[in-house]
Amino acid sequence: MKAKLNKIAIALGGNLGNSVNIFCSALSKLGEGGVKNIKLSALFQSKPENCPPGSPEFTNAALIGEWGASPEELLELCQQIEISAGRPEKHDFNAPRTLDLDIILFGSKIINSPNLQIPHPRAASRLFVLKPLAELAPDWIFPGINKTIKQILQAKIQ
């Protein structure tokens, strides 16, 4: 029996090190870990939000793909990749980082557990998530809001 593949969206961010190389390595590891049909957005620069003073600008992107295992297994894979990219396992909220992988969407699922919230709770209010995601999946419906990514982005930039 073949596992059902869920459409997924992951936001990538980083403001330490060579983000292009770090993102390329992360894509490779996601593919090796089981993410299929990965498509990456263009890279965007954004100012740090709620970060310590003097934090460098972020490089952001989004990817979409397909995943056949559980959301928790995808979270575990993302966390392993963050650690392998040099992000400490224990880190301060919004501290500068080499790599941040946030699961934004997992099919039409809504998950609210202590370790995992999908859709990502702040994704719909962040241009650095919406812009790259709208480039890849403008017509995907954002669960809980029931609008497309493009509609949410357009409302945010007006």
Protein backbone atom coordinates (compact mmCIF):
# COMPACT_ATOMS: atom_id res chain seq x y z
CA MET A 1 0.00 0.00 0.00
CA LYS A 2 1.44 3.33 -1.07
CA ALA A 3 1.33 6.20 1.41
CA LYS A 4 -0.79 9.16 0.42
CA LEU A 5 1.38 12.12 -0.51
CA ASN A 6 0.35 15.36 1.16
CA LYS A 7 1.13 18.72 -0.41
CA ILE A 8 3.42 20.62 1.91
CA ALA A 9 4.82 24.14 2.12
CA ILE A 10 7.91 25.02 4.14
CA ALA A 11 9.36 28.48 4.74
CA LEU A 12 13.16 28.80 4.80
CA GLY A 13 14.97 31.60 6.54
CA GLY A 14 18.44 32.41 7.76
CA ASN A 15 20.61 35.38 8.62
CA LEU A 16 23.96 33.79 9.48
CA GLY A 17 26.39 32.20 7.04
CA ASN A 18 25.95 31.68 3.29
CA SER A 19 22.17 31.29 3.02
CA VAL A 20 22.29 30.19 -0.64
CA ASN A 21 24.59 27.25 0.17
CA ILE A 22 22.71 26.44 3.38
CA PHE A 23 19.34 26.43 1.55
CA CYS A 24 20.75 24.22 -1.25
CA SER A 25 22.04 21.75 1.31
CA ALA A 26 18.68 21.79 3.14
CA LEU A 27 16.80 21.05 -0.12
CA SER A 28 19.12 18.15 -0.79
CA LYS A 29 18.58 16.74 2.71
CA LEU A 30 14.81 17.20 2.49
CA GLY A 31 14.84 15.23 -0.76
CA GLU A 32 17.01 12.50 0.77
CA GLY A 33 14.65 12.46 3.76
CA GLY A 34 11.61 11.75 1.60
CA VAL A 35 10.20 15.06 0.35
CA LYS A 36 9.18 14.62 -3.29
CA ASN A 37 8.75 17.07 -6.18
CA ILE A 38 10.44 19.98 -4.41
CA LYS A 39 10.08 23.41 -5.99
CA LEU A 40 11.90 26.43 -4.51
CA SER A 41 10.85 30.06 -4.79
CA ALA A 42 13.14 32.97 -5.53
CA LEU A 43 15.13 34.28 -2.57
CA PHE A 44 13.88 37.36 -0.75
CA GLN A 45 15.66 39.67 1.69
CA SER A 46 13.78 40.86 4.76
CA LYS A 47 14.49 42.96 7.80
CA PRO A 48 14.62 41.05 11.09
CA GLU A 49 11.33 41.18 13.04
CA ASN A 50 11.36 41.03 16.85
CA CYS A 51 15.04 40.02 16.79
CA PRO A 52 17.86 41.28 19.01
CA PRO A 53 19.20 44.74 18.02
CA GLY A 54 21.83 44.60 15.28
CA SER A 55 20.60 41.27 13.84
CA PRO A 56 21.54 40.86 10.16
CA GLU A 57 18.93 40.86 7.38
CA PHE A 58 17.28 37.53 6.62
CA THR A 59 17.30 35.61 3.39
CA ASN A 60 13.90 33.94 2.95
CA ALA A 61 12.38 31.50 0.51
CA ALA A 62 9.59 28.96 0.39
CA LEU A 63 9.36 25.48 -0.99
CA ILE A 64 6.50 23.24 -1.89
CA GLY A 65 6.63 19.50 -2.27
CA GLU A 66 4.94 16.25 -1.32
CA TRP A 67 5.40 14.16 1.82
CA GLY A 68 4.15 10.65 2.50
CA ALA A 69 4.71 10.37 6.27
CA SER A 70 3.25 12.19 9.27
CA PRO A 71 3.53 15.92 10.01
CA GLU A 72 5.51 15.03 13.15
CA GLU A 73 8.03 13.07 11.09
CA LEU A 74 8.41 16.05 8.75
CA LEU A 75 8.99 18.31 11.77
CA GLU A 76 11.67 15.92 13.05
CA LEU A 77 13.40 15.91 9.64
CA CYS A 78 13.30 19.74 9.49
CA GLN A 79 14.76 20.03 13.01
CA GLN A 80 17.57 17.56 12.19
CA ILE A 81 18.43 19.61 9.07
CA GLU A 82 18.44 22.87 11.08
CA ILE A 83 20.86 21.33 13.60
CA SER A 84 23.11 19.94 10.85
CA ALA A 85 23.21 23.49 9.38
CA GLY A 86 24.63 24.76 12.67
CA ARG A 87 21.51 25.92 14.50
CA PRO A 88 21.76 25.01 18.19
CA GLU A 89 19.10 22.56 19.34
CA LYS A 90 18.29 24.90 22.23
CA HIS A 91 18.05 28.47 20.95
CA ASP A 92 16.45 31.75 21.96
CA PHE A 93 13.26 32.73 20.19
CA ASN A 94 14.13 34.94 17.19
CA ALA A 95 17.90 34.66 17.75
CA PRO A 96 20.02 35.00 14.59
CA ARG A 97 20.29 31.61 12.87
CA THR A 98 21.86 29.76 9.98
CA LEU A 99 18.61 28.02 9.06
CA ASP A 100 14.98 28.05 10.09
CA LEU A 101 12.59 25.59 8.46
CA ASP A 102 8.94 26.24 9.32
CA ILE A 103 6.19 23.92 8.11
CA ILE A 104 3.59 26.35 6.84
CA LEU A 105 1.02 24.01 5.28
CA PHE A 106 0.45 20.25 5.35
CA GLY A 107 -2.39 19.47 2.95
CA SER A 108 -5.56 20.91 4.47
CA LYS A 109 -4.65 19.78 7.98
CA ILE A 110 -4.98 21.99 11.04
CA ILE A 111 -2.74 20.76 13.88
CA ASN A 112 -2.49 22.42 17.25
CA SER A 113 -0.19 20.39 19.49
CA PRO A 114 2.46 21.67 21.93
CA ASN A 115 5.28 20.81 19.45
CA LEU A 116 3.61 21.56 16.15
CA GLN A 117 1.13 24.10 14.85
CA ILE A 118 -0.04 23.89 11.24
CA PRO A 119 -0.74 26.17 9.53
CA HIS A 120 2.17 28.02 11.07
CA PRO A 121 0.50 30.50 13.47
CA ARG A 122 2.18 33.66 12.10
CA ALA A 123 2.53 32.66 8.43
CA ALA A 124 -0.55 34.53 7.16
CA SER A 125 0.73 37.81 8.62
CA ARG A 126 4.32 37.61 7.33
CA LEU A 127 5.17 39.02 3.92
CA PHE A 128 8.49 37.12 3.95
CA VAL A 129 6.44 33.89 3.99
CA LEU A 130 3.52 34.96 1.79
CA LYS A 131 5.54 36.48 -1.09
CA PRO A 132 7.68 33.43 -1.87
CA LEU A 133 4.77 31.05 -1.21
CA ALA A 134 2.47 33.00 -3.55
CA GLU A 135 5.11 32.63 -6.26
CA LEU A 136 4.85 28.82 -6.03
CA ALA A 137 1.29 28.09 -4.89
CA PRO A 138 -0.92 31.18 -5.29
CA ASP A 139 -4.12 29.13 -5.43
CA TRP A 140 -3.50 26.89 -2.44
CA ILE A 141 -6.15 27.38 0.23
CA PHE A 142 -4.88 28.41 3.66
CA PRO A 143 -6.75 26.15 6.15
CA GLY A 144 -8.66 28.00 8.85
CA ILE A 145 -8.70 31.22 6.82
CA ASN A 146 -10.21 29.60 3.71
CA LYS A 147 -8.61 32.07 1.33
CA THR A 148 -5.91 31.45 -1.24
CA ILE A 149 -2.36 32.44 -0.48
CA LYS A 150 -2.62 35.05 -3.24
CA GLN A 151 -5.78 36.55 -1.66
CA ILE A 152 -4.11 36.74 1.78
CA LEU A 153 -1.01 38.37 0.27
CA GLN A 154 -3.05 40.89 -1.72
CA ALA A 155 -5.04 41.88 1.38
CA LYS A 156 -1.79 42.31 3.35
CA ILE A 157 -0.05 44.58 0.80
CA GLN A 158 -3.03 46.89 0.15
